[in-house]
PDB file of N, CA and C in Angstrom:
ATOM      1  N   MET A   1       1.803   2.216   8.693  1.00  0.00           N
ATOM      2  CA  MET A   1       0.349   2.627   8.806  1.00  0.00           C
ATOM      3  C   MET A   1       0.002   2.976  10.497  1.00  0.00           C
ATOM      4  N   SER A   2      -0.996   3.508  10.653  1.00  0.00           N
ATOM      5  CA  SER A   2      -0.964   4.182  12.035  1.00  0.00           C
ATOM      6  C   SER A   2      -1.741   2.949  13.042  1.00  0.00           C
ATOM      7  N   LYS A   3      -1.426   2.825  14.484  1.00  0.00           N
ATOM      8  CA  LYS A   3      -1.974   2.358  15.249  1.00  0.00           C
ATOM      9  C   LYS A   3      -3.805   2.105  14.969  1.00  0.00           C
ATOM     10  N   SER A   4      -4.352   3.367  14.695  1.00  0.00           N
ATOM     11  CA  SER A   4      -5.479   3.436  14.778  1.00  0.00           C
ATOM     12  C   SER A   4      -6.134   2.984  13.644  1.00  0.00           C
ATOM     13  N   ILE A   5      -5.212   3.103  12.503  1.00  0.00           N
ATOM     14  CA  ILE A   5      -5.905   2.345  11.256  1.00  0.00           C
ATOM     15  C   ILE A   5      -6.047   0.868  11.028  1.00  0.00           C
ATOM     16  N   ILE A   6      -5.138   0.230  11.883  1.00  0.00           N
ATOM     17  CA  ILE A   6      -4.897  -0.847  12.385  1.00  0.00           C
ATOM     18  C   ILE A   6      -6.193  -1.455  13.073  1.00  0.00           C
ATOM     19  N   GLU A   7      -6.194  -1.079  14.381  1.00  0.00           N
ATOM     20  CA  GLU A   7      -7.017  -0.847  15.132  1.00  0.00           C
ATOM     21  C   GLU A   7      -8.458  -1.056  14.471  1.00  0.00           C
ATOM     22  N   ASN A   8      -8.943  -0.058  13.530  1.00  0.00           N
ATOM     23  CA  ASN A   8     -10.191  -0.259  12.900  1.00  0.00           C
ATOM     24  C   ASN A   8     -10.214  -1.257  12.210  1.00  0.00           C
ATOM     25  N   LEU A   9      -9.325  -1.544  11.477  1.00  0.00           N
ATOM     26  CA  LEU A   9      -9.273  -2.764  10.157  1.00  0.00           C
ATOM     27  C   LEU A   9      -9.681  -3.925  11.060  1.00  0.00           C
ATOM     28  N   PHE A  10      -8.890  -4.490  12.197  1.00  0.00           N
ATOM     29  CA  PHE A  10      -9.134  -5.439  12.849  1.00  0.00           C
ATOM     30  C   PHE A  10     -11.027  -5.526  13.703  1.00  0.00           C
ATOM     31  N   ASP A  11     -10.760  -4.203  14.033  1.00  0.00           N
ATOM     32  CA  ASP A  11     -12.337  -4.208  14.597  1.00  0.00           C
ATOM     33  C   ASP A  11     -13.500  -4.351  13.610  1.00  0.00           C
ATOM     34  N   SER A  12     -13.070  -3.967  12.764  1.00  0.00           N
ATOM     35  CA  SER A  12     -14.192  -4.177  11.373  1.00  0.00           C
ATOM     36  C   SER A  12     -14.404  -5.601  10.910  1.00  0.00           C
ATOM     37  N   VAL A  13     -13.608  -6.556  11.111  1.00  0.00           N
ATOM     38  CA  VAL A  13     -13.713  -8.266  10.729  1.00  0.00           C
ATOM     39  C   VAL A  13     -13.577  -8.811  11.978  1.00  0.00           C
ATOM     40  N   ALA A  14     -13.665  -8.101  13.312  1.00  0.00           N
ATOM     41  CA  ALA A  14     -13.620  -8.947  14.595  1.00  0.00           C
ATOM     42  C   ALA A  14     -14.961  -9.703  14.812  1.00  0.00           C
ATOM     43  N   CYS A  15     -16.108  -9.002  14.128  1.00  0.00           N
ATOM     44  CA  CYS A  15     -17.676  -9.888  14.500  1.00  0.00           C
ATOM     45  C   CYS A  15     -17.659 -11.249  13.587  1.00  0.00           C
ATOM     46  N   GLN A  16     -16.607 -11.264  12.813  1.00  0.00           N
ATOM     47  CA  GLN A  16     -16.514 -12.900  11.850  1.00  0.00           C
ATOM     48  C   GLN A  16     -15.656 -13.787  12.092  1.00  0.00           C
ATOM     49  N   TYR A  17     -14.986 -13.479  13.310  1.00  0.00           N
ATOM     50  CA  TYR A  17     -13.789 -14.544  13.482  1.00  0.00           C
ATOM     51  C   TYR A  17     -14.413 -15.783  14.105  1.00  0.00           C
ATOM     52  N   ALA A  18     -15.535 -15.954  14.479  1.00  0.00           N
ATOM     53  CA  ALA A  18     -16.071 -16.903  15.036  1.00  0.00           C
ATOM     54  C   ALA A  18     -16.744 -17.470  14.145  1.00  0.00           C
ATOM     55  N   GLU A  19     -17.216 -16.924  12.971  1.00  0.00           N
ATOM     56  CA  GLU A  19     -18.053 -17.669  12.249  1.00  0.00           C
ATOM     57  C   GLU A  19     -17.094 -18.765  11.173  1.00  0.00           C
ATOM     58  N   ASN A  20     -17.940 -19.760  10.829  1.00  0.00           N
ATOM     59  CA  ASN A  20     -17.231 -20.935   9.828  1.00  0.00           C
ATOM     60  C   ASN A  20     -16.395 -20.529   8.771  1.00  0.00           C
ATOM     61  N   SER A  21     -16.676 -19.760   8.455  1.00  0.00           N
ATOM     62  CA  SER A  21     -15.726 -18.714   7.306  1.00  0.00           C
ATOM     63  C   SER A  21     -14.281 -18.518   7.324  1.00  0.00           C
ATOM     64  N   CYS A  22     -14.416 -18.697   8.889  1.00  0.00           N
ATOM     65  CA  CYS A  22     -12.855 -18.055   9.390  1.00  0.00           C
ATOM     66  C   CYS A  22     -12.405 -19.360  10.338  1.00  0.00           C
ATOM     67  N   SER A  23     -12.603 -20.624   9.930  1.00  0.00           N
ATOM     68  CA  SER A  23     -12.508 -21.655  10.709  1.00  0.00           C
ATOM     69  C   SER A  23     -10.928 -22.101  10.373  1.00  0.00           C
ATOM     70  N   TYR A  24     -10.510 -21.434   9.388  1.00  0.00           N
ATOM     71  CA  TYR A  24      -9.133 -21.673   9.092  1.00  0.00           C
ATOM     72  C   TYR A  24      -8.199 -20.989  10.207  1.00  0.00           C
ATOM     73  N   PHE A  25      -8.696 -20.055  11.102  1.00  0.00           N
ATOM     74  CA  PHE A  25      -7.618 -19.754  12.313  1.00  0.00           C
ATOM     75  C   PHE A  25      -7.629 -20.720  12.979  1.00  0.00           C
ATOM     76  N   GLN A  26      -8.512 -21.588  13.288  1.00  0.00           N
ATOM     77  CA  GLN A  26      -8.203 -22.524  14.400  1.00  0.00           C
ATOM     78  C   GLN A  26      -7.425 -23.771  13.468  1.00  0.00           C
ATOM     79  N   TYR A  27      -7.525 -24.018  12.445  1.00  0.00           N
ATOM     80  CA  TYR A  27      -6.636 -25.004  11.773  1.00  0.00           C
ATOM     81  C   TYR A  27      -5.208 -24.091  11.787  1.00  0.00           C
ATOM     82  N   PHE A  28      -4.895 -23.275  11.393  1.00  0.00           N
ATOM     83  CA  PHE A  28      -3.655 -22.634  11.363  1.00  0.00           C
ATOM     84  C   PHE A  28      -3.042 -22.390  12.849  1.00  0.00           C
ATOM     85  N   GLY A  29      -3.620 -22.038  13.426  1.00  0.00           N
ATOM     86  CA  GLY A  29      -3.287 -22.138  14.955  1.00  0.00           C
ATOM     87  C   GLY A  29      -2.786 -23.233  15.781  1.00  0.00           C
ATOM     88  N   LYS A  30      -3.281 -24.445  15.419  1.00  0.00           N
ATOM     89  CA  LYS A  30      -2.883 -26.084  15.776  1.00  0.00           C
ATOM     90  C   LYS A  30      -1.445 -26.133  14.960  1.00  0.00           C
ATOM     91  N   ARG A  31      -1.235 -25.952  13.483  1.00  0.00           N
ATOM     92  CA  ARG A  31      -0.693 -25.866  12.963  1.00  0.00           C
ATOM     93  C   ARG A  31       0.849 -25.343  13.381  1.00  0.00           C
ATOM     94  N   LEU A  32       0.633 -23.723  13.631  1.00  0.00           N
ATOM     95  CA  LEU A  32       1.618 -23.224  14.106  1.00  0.00           C
ATOM     96  C   LEU A  32       2.373 -23.596  15.251  1.00  0.00           C
ATOM     97  N   VAL A  33       1.287 -23.968  16.614  1.00  0.00           N
ATOM     98  CA  VAL A  33       1.701 -24.818  17.813  1.00  0.00           C
ATOM     99  C   VAL A  33       2.467 -26.255  17.522  1.00  0.00           C
ATOM    100  N   ASP A  34       2.276 -26.552  16.750  1.00  0.00           N
ATOM    101  CA  ASP A  34       2.778 -27.804  16.065  1.00  0.00           C
ATOM    102  C   ASP A  34       4.250 -27.667  15.499  1.00  0.00           C
ATOM    103  N   GLN A  35       4.136 -26.672  14.703  1.00  0.00           N
ATOM    104  CA  GLN A  35       5.615 -26.205  14.331  1.00  0.00           C
ATOM    105  C   GLN A  35       6.763 -25.531  15.313  1.00  0.00           C
ATOM    106  N   ALA A  36       5.823 -25.229  15.996  1.00  0.00           N
ATOM    107  CA  ALA A  36       7.075 -24.303  17.327  1.00  0.00           C
ATOM    108  C   ALA A  36       7.507 -25.634  18.274  1.00  0.00           C
ATOM    109  N   LYS A  37       7.063 -26.629  18.263  1.00  0.00           N
ATOM    110  CA  LYS A  37       7.470 -27.959  19.267  1.00  0.00           C
ATOM    111  C   LYS A  37       7.620 -27.356  20.442  1.00  0.00           C
ATOM    112  N   VAL A  38       6.725 -26.653  20.966  1.00  0.00           N
ATOM    113  CA  VAL A  38       6.296 -26.389  22.453  1.00  0.00           C
ATOM    114  C   VAL A  38       6.130 -27.779  23.242  1.00  0.00           C
ATOM    115  N   SER A  39       6.775 -27.661  24.360  1.00  0.00           N
ATOM    116  CA  SER A  39       6.984 -28.906  25.278  1.00  0.00           C
ATOM    117  C   SER A  39       5.880 -28.830  26.675  1.00  0.00           C
ATOM    118  N   LEU A  40       5.644 -29.809  27.064  1.00  0.00           N
ATOM    119  CA  LEU A  40       5.118 -29.399  28.562  1.00  0.00           C
ATOM    120  C   LEU A  40       5.955 -28.776  29.111  1.00  0.00           C
ATOM    121  N   GLY A  41       4.893 -27.746  30.717  1.00  0.00           N
ATOM    122  CA  GLY A  41       5.833 -27.081  31.338  1.00  0.00           C
ATOM    123  C   GLY A  41       6.421 -25.862  30.915  1.00  0.00           C
ATOM    124  N   GLU A  42       6.472 -25.400  29.768  1.00  0.00           N
ATOM    125  CA  GLU A  42       6.981 -24.444  29.113  1.00  0.00           C
ATOM    126  C   GLU A  42       6.010 -23.352  29.376  1.00  0.00           C
ATOM    127  N   ASN A  43       6.837 -21.980  29.171  1.00  0.00           N
ATOM    128  CA  ASN A  43       6.129 -20.710  29.315  1.00  0.00           C
ATOM    129  C   ASN A  43       6.314 -20.032  28.139  1.00  0.00           C
ATOM    130  N   VAL A  44       5.244 -19.582  27.532  1.00  0.00           N
ATOM    131  CA  VAL A  44       5.222 -19.297  26.028  1.00  0.00           C
ATOM    132  C   VAL A  44       4.372 -17.719  26.139  1.00  0.00           C
ATOM    133  N   LEU A  45       4.884 -17.010  25.017  1.00  0.00           N
ATOM    134  CA  LEU A  45       3.793 -15.551  24.795  1.00  0.00           C
ATOM    135  C   LEU A  45       3.595 -15.790  23.576  1.00  0.00           C
ATOM    136  N   ASP A  46       2.316 -15.545  23.573  1.00  0.00           N
ATOM    137  CA  ASP A  46       1.554 -15.239  22.381  1.00  0.00           C
ATOM    138  C   ASP A  46       1.511 -13.695  22.002  1.00  0.00           C
ATOM    139  N   VAL A  47       2.292 -13.086  20.933  1.00  0.00           N
ATOM    140  CA  VAL A  47       2.140 -11.890  20.686  1.00  0.00           C
ATOM    141  C   VAL A  47       1.013 -11.749  19.820  1.00  0.00           C
ATOM    142  N   ALA A  48      -0.131 -10.928  19.474  1.00  0.00           N
ATOM    143  CA  ALA A  48      -1.119 -10.368  18.648  1.00  0.00           C
ATOM    144  C   ALA A  48      -1.934 -11.723  18.831  1.00  0.00           C
ATOM    145  N   THR A  49      -2.440 -12.190  19.646  1.00  0.00           N
ATOM    146  CA  THR A  49      -3.231 -13.404  20.010  1.00  0.00           C
ATOM    147  C   THR A  49      -4.814 -13.377  19.746  1.00  0.00           C
ATOM    148  N   GLY A  50      -4.982 -12.368  19.476  1.00  0.00           N
ATOM    149  CA  GLY A  50      -6.637 -11.922  18.674  1.00  0.00           C
ATOM    150  C   GLY A  50      -7.487 -12.873  19.517  1.00  0.00           C
ATOM    151  N   LYS A  51      -8.353 -13.814  19.067  1.00  0.00           N
ATOM    152  CA  LYS A  51      -9.460 -14.560  20.090  1.00  0.00           C
ATOM    153  C   LYS A  51      -8.545 -16.035  20.305  1.00  0.00           C
ATOM    154  N   GLY A  52      -7.281 -16.248  20.129  1.00  0.00           N
ATOM    155  CA  GLY A  52      -6.814 -17.295  20.715  1.00  0.00           C
ATOM    156  C   GLY A  52      -6.456 -18.445  20.053  1.00  0.00           C
ATOM    157  N   ALA A  53      -6.342 -18.320  18.882  1.00  0.00           N
ATOM    158  CA  ALA A  53      -6.226 -19.628  17.536  1.00  0.00           C
ATOM    159  C   ALA A  53      -4.659 -20.162  17.903  1.00  0.00           C
ATOM    160  N   VAL A  54      -3.937 -19.577  18.529  1.00  0.00           N
ATOM    161  CA  VAL A  54      -2.771 -20.132  18.833  1.00  0.00           C
ATOM    162  C   VAL A  54      -2.858 -20.445  20.308  1.00  0.00           C
ATOM    163  N   LEU A  55      -3.084 -19.415  21.409  1.00  0.00           N
ATOM    164  CA  LEU A  55      -3.019 -19.286  22.572  1.00  0.00           C
ATOM    165  C   LEU A  55      -3.677 -20.683  23.180  1.00  0.00           C
ATOM    166  N   PHE A  56      -4.815 -21.103  22.671  1.00  0.00           N
ATOM    167  CA  PHE A  56      -5.541 -22.080  23.588  1.00  0.00           C
ATOM    168  C   PHE A  56      -4.899 -23.737  23.417  1.00  0.00           C
ATOM    169  N   PRO A  57      -4.666 -23.533  21.511  1.00  0.00           N
ATOM    170  CA  PRO A  57      -3.410 -24.661  21.748  1.00  0.00           C
ATOM    171  C   PRO A  57      -2.319 -24.952  22.423  1.00  0.00           C
ATOM    172  N   LEU A  58      -1.629 -23.823  22.591  1.00  0.00           N
ATOM    173  CA  LEU A  58      -0.274 -23.770  23.143  1.00  0.00           C
ATOM    174  C   LEU A  58      -1.012 -24.070  24.798  1.00  0.00           C
ATOM    175  N   ALA A  59      -1.761 -23.429  25.516  1.00  0.00           N
ATOM    176  CA  ALA A  59      -2.073 -24.176  26.707  1.00  0.00           C
ATOM    177  C   ALA A  59      -2.545 -25.523  26.917  1.00  0.00           C
ATOM    178  N   ASP A  60      -3.025 -26.211  25.839  1.00  0.00           N
ATOM    179  CA  ASP A  60      -3.177 -27.713  25.952  1.00  0.00           C
ATOM    180  C   ASP A  60      -1.502 -28.353  25.946  1.00  0.00           C
ATOM    181  N   VAL A  61      -1.048 -27.902  24.933  1.00  0.00           N
ATOM    182  CA  VAL A  61       0.319 -28.362  24.885  1.00  0.00           C
ATOM    183  C   VAL A  61       1.135 -28.113  25.998  1.00  0.00           C
ATOM    184  N   VAL A  62       1.429 -26.789  26.782  1.00  0.00           N
ATOM    185  CA  VAL A  62       2.304 -26.851  28.157  1.00  0.00           C
ATOM    186  C   VAL A  62       1.385 -27.352  29.271  1.00  0.00           C
ATOM    187  N   GLY A  63       0.463 -27.751  29.222  1.00  0.00           N
ATOM    188  CA  GLY A  63      -0.452 -28.336  30.360  1.00  0.00           C
ATOM    189  C   GLY A  63      -0.543 -27.204  31.486  1.00  0.00           C
ATOM    190  N   CYS A  64      -0.687 -27.930  32.808  1.00  0.00           N
ATOM    191  CA  CYS A  64      -0.719 -27.034  34.144  1.00  0.00           C
ATOM    192  C   CYS A  64       0.309 -26.564  34.753  1.00  0.00           C
ATOM    193  N   LYS A  65       1.450 -26.868  34.142  1.00  0.00           N
ATOM    194  CA  LYS A  65       2.603 -26.935  34.808  1.00  0.00           C
ATOM    195  C   LYS A  65       3.587 -25.780  33.879  1.00  0.00           C
ATOM    196  N   GLY A  66       2.700 -25.553  32.777  1.00  0.00           N
ATOM    197  CA  GLY A  66       3.416 -24.470  32.052  1.00  0.00           C
ATOM    198  C   GLY A  66       2.553 -23.030  31.877  1.00  0.00           C
ATOM    199  N   LYS A  67       2.823 -22.392  31.165  1.00  0.00           N
ATOM    200  CA  LYS A  67       2.012 -20.750  31.092  1.00  0.00           C
ATOM    201  C   LYS A  67       1.925 -20.150  29.756  1.00  0.00           C
ATOM    202  N   VAL A  68       0.939 -20.028  29.426  1.00  0.00           N
ATOM    203  CA  VAL A  68       0.730 -19.052  28.076  1.00  0.00           C
ATOM    204  C   VAL A  68       0.174 -17.798  28.582  1.00  0.00           C
ATOM    205  N   THR A  69       0.836 -16.789  27.871  1.00  0.00           N
ATOM    206  CA  THR A  69       0.373 -15.038  27.928  1.00  0.00           C
ATOM    207  C   THR A  69       0.158 -14.829  26.752  1.00  0.00           C
ATOM    208  N   GLY A  70      -1.066 -14.191  26.542  1.00  0.00           N
ATOM    209  CA  GLY A  70      -1.200 -13.581  25.055  1.00  0.00           C
ATOM    210  C   GLY A  70      -1.708 -12.280  25.291  1.00  0.00           C
ATOM    211  N   ILE A  71      -1.127 -11.414  24.416  1.00  0.00           N
ATOM    212  CA  ILE A  71      -1.293 -10.069  24.242  1.00  0.00           C
ATOM    213  C   ILE A  71      -1.789  -9.536  22.924  1.00  0.00           C
ATOM    214  N   ASP A  72      -2.632  -8.452  22.546  1.00  0.00           N
ATOM    215  CA  ASP A  72      -3.060  -8.068  21.554  1.00  0.00           C
ATOM    216  C   ASP A  72      -2.631  -6.592  21.396  1.00  0.00           C
ATOM    217  N   ILE A  73      -3.289  -6.038  20.463  1.00  0.00           N
ATOM    218  CA  ILE A  73      -3.079  -4.366  20.077  1.00  0.00           C
ATOM    219  C   ILE A  73      -4.136  -3.609  21.134  1.00  0.00           C
ATOM    220  N   ARG A  74      -5.158  -4.375  21.389  1.00  0.00           N
ATOM    221  CA  ARG A  74      -6.234  -4.132  22.079  1.00  0.00           C
ATOM    222  C   ARG A  74      -6.403  -4.211  23.734  1.00  0.00           C
ATOM    223  N   THR A  75      -6.665  -3.259  24.598  1.00  0.00           N
ATOM    224  CA  THR A  75      -6.177  -3.599  25.759  1.00  0.00           C
ATOM    225  C   THR A  75      -7.615  -3.347  26.416  1.00  0.00           C
ATOM    226  N   VAL A  76      -8.336  -3.980  27.334  1.00  0.00           N
ATOM    227  CA  VAL A  76      -9.381  -4.070  27.792  1.00  0.00           C
ATOM    228  C   VAL A  76      -9.265  -3.844  29.159  1.00  0.00           C
ATOM    229  N   SER A  77     -10.143  -3.217  29.948  1.00  0.00           N
ATOM    230  CA  SER A  77     -10.085  -3.388  31.537  1.00  0.00           C
ATOM    231  C   SER A  77     -11.597  -3.916  31.862  1.00  0.00           C
ATOM    232  N   ILE A  78     -11.396  -4.685  32.811  1.00  0.00           N
ATOM    233  CA  ILE A  78     -12.657  -5.056  33.440  1.00  0.00           C
ATOM    234  C   ILE A  78     -12.539  -4.903  34.990  1.00  0.00           C
TER     235      ILE A  78
END
């Protein structure tokens, strides 16, 4: 599958990520962080971060002494 096909697929559903019907992203994001057994002060890379379902719970766990970096298929320039 090409990168452009995957980008188009995710672009087509991205507007629904914040909907209540997709609240399972938050649930499973938290569960993944719990299973990873990340500790205070660690540095973590979140690959395919999307809207941050794993990224934000990770940031809570590592605290201000740790660092979480999220990357995704899309690159946005501001």
